[in-house]
Amino acid sequence: MNAREPEWDSFESTATDSAGHDLIGKPAVDFELPTLDGGTFRLGDHADKVVVLDFWATWCGPCIAALPEYISATEAFPSSDVIFVAINLEESPDRIRAFLDRQNLSPSVALDRGSVIARQFGVSGIPHTVVIGPGRIVKHVKVGFSKDAGEQISAVISELLEERTDVD
């Protein structure tokens, strides 16, 4: 097959997913998943942080465009305040590693092999990004990709961190 490589920069979606958006303001379901590096990610271990979960796959063009933006946006904040976890849906560790190597990316990756956690977060399309504030409350859900995705997530994180400071 001689298919042309798509131009991912032109991929833009502002799709909404009512199931995901219905989670805003509610406590995030606690979960644990194996990680690509052999560990375990437990959401409950990070209740005092802002947690950005990005549900994605290596074959998803909008995911490929969004992933580096989210990594960059979250790395601008102290790791003591913000954590980013790329939750891969149903792909093998070898495939994920090869993709990350080719893209020169090194996010924390959790493996949702049966899409069980994805269903709990209302994922019906990817990328599906969930920002969880301190106390495990869902604060923001974005489905799809837009060129300002990193800026959007950064603004949400900044607001959550300011709210936390105002309360302290």
Protein backbone atom coordinates (compact mmCIF):
# COMPACT_ATOMS: atom_id res chain seq x y z
CA MET A 1 0.00 0.00 0.00
CA ASN A 2 1.38 3.43 -0.94
CA ALA A 3 -0.70 5.64 1.32
CA ARG A 4 0.52 9.16 1.95
CA GLU A 5 1.51 10.10 5.51
CA PRO A 6 -1.26 12.38 6.82
CA GLU A 7 -0.44 15.93 7.85
CA TRP A 8 -1.19 15.72 11.55
CA ASP A 9 -0.88 19.48 12.05
CA SER A 10 -4.10 19.88 10.10
CA PHE A 11 -5.96 17.43 12.34
CA GLU A 12 -8.24 19.41 14.57
CA SER A 13 -11.25 18.28 16.48
CA THR A 14 -13.28 19.87 19.18
CA ALA A 15 -15.55 16.90 19.64
CA THR A 16 -17.44 16.57 22.86
CA ASP A 17 -18.40 13.45 24.71
CA SER A 18 -21.26 13.88 27.14
CA ALA A 19 -20.27 10.77 29.10
CA GLY A 20 -16.83 12.23 29.76
CA HIS A 21 -18.11 15.73 30.44
CA ASP A 22 -20.69 14.35 32.88
CA LEU A 23 -17.72 13.47 35.12
CA ILE A 24 -16.74 17.12 35.68
CA GLY A 25 -17.15 18.07 39.34
CA LYS A 26 -17.36 14.45 40.46
CA PRO A 27 -14.72 12.35 42.20
CA ALA A 28 -12.54 10.40 39.79
CA VAL A 29 -12.79 6.68 40.14
CA ASP A 30 -9.69 5.33 41.87
CA PHE A 31 -7.78 2.80 39.82
CA GLU A 32 -4.42 1.17 39.30
CA LEU A 33 -2.79 0.09 36.07
CA PRO A 34 0.52 -1.53 35.15
CA THR A 35 3.03 0.87 33.63
CA LEU A 36 5.24 0.48 30.60
CA ASP A 37 8.33 0.53 32.84
CA GLY A 38 7.09 -2.42 34.92
CA GLY A 39 5.64 -0.48 37.83
CA THR A 40 2.09 0.37 38.84
CA PHE A 41 0.26 3.68 38.56
CA ARG A 42 -2.33 4.25 41.30
CA LEU A 43 -4.47 7.36 40.98
CA GLY A 44 -5.05 7.39 44.74
CA ASP A 45 -1.31 7.88 45.32
CA HIS A 46 -1.58 11.34 43.74
CA ALA A 47 -4.66 12.82 45.46
CA ASP A 48 -2.72 15.97 46.41
CA LYS A 49 -1.65 16.72 42.81
CA VAL A 50 -3.18 17.78 39.54
CA VAL A 51 -3.28 14.63 37.41
CA VAL A 52 -3.58 14.77 33.64
CA LEU A 53 -4.69 11.48 32.07
CA ASP A 54 -4.46 11.20 28.30
CA PHE A 55 -6.14 8.15 26.77
CA TRP A 56 -4.41 7.40 23.45
CA ALA A 57 -3.04 4.86 20.95
CA THR A 58 -0.05 4.86 18.62
CA TRP A 59 -2.25 4.51 15.50
CA CYS A 60 -4.36 7.60 16.34
CA GLY A 61 -3.29 10.68 14.35
CA PRO A 62 -4.85 13.26 16.69
CA CYS A 63 -3.27 11.42 19.65
CA ILE A 64 0.15 11.65 18.00
CA ALA A 65 -0.35 15.39 17.58
CA ALA A 66 -1.63 15.95 21.14
CA LEU A 67 0.82 13.80 23.11
CA PRO A 68 3.94 16.01 22.77
CA GLU A 69 1.87 19.12 23.53
CA TYR A 70 0.52 17.61 26.74
CA ILE A 71 3.96 16.38 27.78
CA SER A 72 5.45 19.83 27.21
CA ALA A 73 2.58 21.63 28.97
CA THR A 74 2.72 19.44 32.07
CA GLU A 75 6.54 19.45 32.29
CA ALA A 76 6.35 23.25 32.74
CA PHE A 77 4.97 22.64 36.25
CA PRO A 78 6.79 21.13 39.24
CA SER A 79 6.41 17.34 39.38
CA SER A 80 5.47 17.76 43.04
CA ASP A 81 2.29 19.53 41.85
CA VAL A 82 1.42 17.96 38.48
CA ILE A 83 1.66 14.49 36.99
CA PHE A 84 0.98 13.42 33.39
CA VAL A 85 0.07 9.84 32.54
CA ALA A 86 -0.46 8.67 28.96
CA ILE A 87 -2.91 5.78 29.23
CA ASN A 88 -2.44 3.57 26.21
CA LEU A 89 -5.42 1.57 25.04
CA GLU A 90 -4.89 -2.10 24.26
CA GLU A 91 -1.49 -2.01 22.54
CA SER A 92 1.54 -4.16 23.27
CA PRO A 93 4.44 -2.75 25.28
CA ASP A 94 6.82 -3.42 22.35
CA ARG A 95 4.67 -1.40 19.96
CA ILE A 96 4.39 1.48 22.45
CA ARG A 97 8.14 1.53 23.15
CA ALA A 98 8.97 1.52 19.42
CA PHE A 99 6.56 4.41 18.85
CA LEU A 100 7.94 6.46 21.76
CA ASP A 101 11.51 5.84 20.56
CA ARG A 102 10.64 7.00 17.03
CA GLN A 103 8.91 10.09 18.38
CA ASN A 104 11.64 10.77 20.96
CA LEU A 105 9.06 10.94 23.77
CA SER A 106 9.31 9.60 27.29
CA PRO A 107 6.04 10.12 29.16
CA SER A 108 4.81 7.93 31.99
CA VAL A 109 2.67 5.33 30.24
CA ALA A 110 0.00 3.21 31.90
CA LEU A 111 -1.43 0.18 30.10
CA ASP A 112 -5.22 -0.16 29.89
CA ARG A 113 -5.17 -3.45 28.02
CA GLY A 114 -8.91 -4.11 28.26
CA SER A 115 -10.01 -0.45 28.13
CA VAL A 116 -11.64 -0.98 31.54
CA ILE A 117 -10.41 2.35 32.93
CA ALA A 118 -11.22 4.09 29.64
CA ARG A 119 -14.85 3.01 30.00
CA GLN A 120 -14.93 4.28 33.59
CA PHE A 121 -13.86 7.71 32.29
CA GLY A 122 -16.43 7.75 29.49
CA VAL A 123 -13.91 7.33 26.67
CA SER A 124 -15.61 6.72 23.35
CA GLY A 125 -13.05 8.46 21.16
CA ILE A 126 -9.38 9.35 21.49
CA PRO A 127 -7.50 11.38 22.40
CA HIS A 128 -9.59 11.79 25.53
CA THR A 129 -7.90 13.90 28.16
CA VAL A 130 -9.04 14.24 31.77
CA VAL A 131 -7.64 16.74 34.26
CA ILE A 132 -8.18 15.75 37.86
CA GLY A 133 -7.64 18.32 40.59
CA PRO A 134 -6.40 17.81 44.12
CA GLY A 135 -8.82 15.64 46.07
CA ARG A 136 -9.40 13.50 42.93
CA ILE A 137 -12.17 15.75 41.52
CA VAL A 138 -12.54 15.76 37.72
CA LYS A 139 -12.08 19.36 36.61
CA HIS A 140 -11.74 19.22 32.82
CA VAL A 141 -12.37 16.79 29.96
CA LYS A 142 -11.22 17.28 26.38
CA VAL A 143 -12.07 14.92 23.56
CA GLY A 144 -10.14 15.27 20.32
CA PHE A 145 -7.25 17.53 19.36
CA SER A 146 -6.96 21.23 18.72
CA LYS A 147 -3.86 23.25 17.88
CA ASP A 148 -4.00 24.99 21.26
CA ALA A 149 -4.45 21.75 23.25
CA GLY A 150 -1.24 22.26 25.25
CA GLU A 151 -2.16 25.86 26.07
CA GLN A 152 -5.65 24.79 27.15
CA ILE A 153 -4.32 22.14 29.51
CA SER A 154 -1.70 24.55 30.85
CA ALA A 155 -4.39 27.14 31.62
CA VAL A 156 -6.54 24.56 33.41
CA ILE A 157 -3.57 23.37 35.48
CA SER A 158 -2.57 26.94 36.38
CA GLU A 159 -6.10 27.71 37.53
CA LEU A 160 -6.24 24.56 39.68
CA LEU A 161 -2.89 25.31 41.28
CA GLU A 162 -3.98 28.90 42.01
CA GLU A 163 -7.21 27.62 43.62
CA ARG A 164 -5.16 25.28 45.78
CA THR A 165 -2.90 28.14 46.85
CA ASP A 166 -5.91 30.35 47.66
CA VAL A 167 -7.31 27.62 49.94
CA ASP A 168 -4.01 26.92 51.75
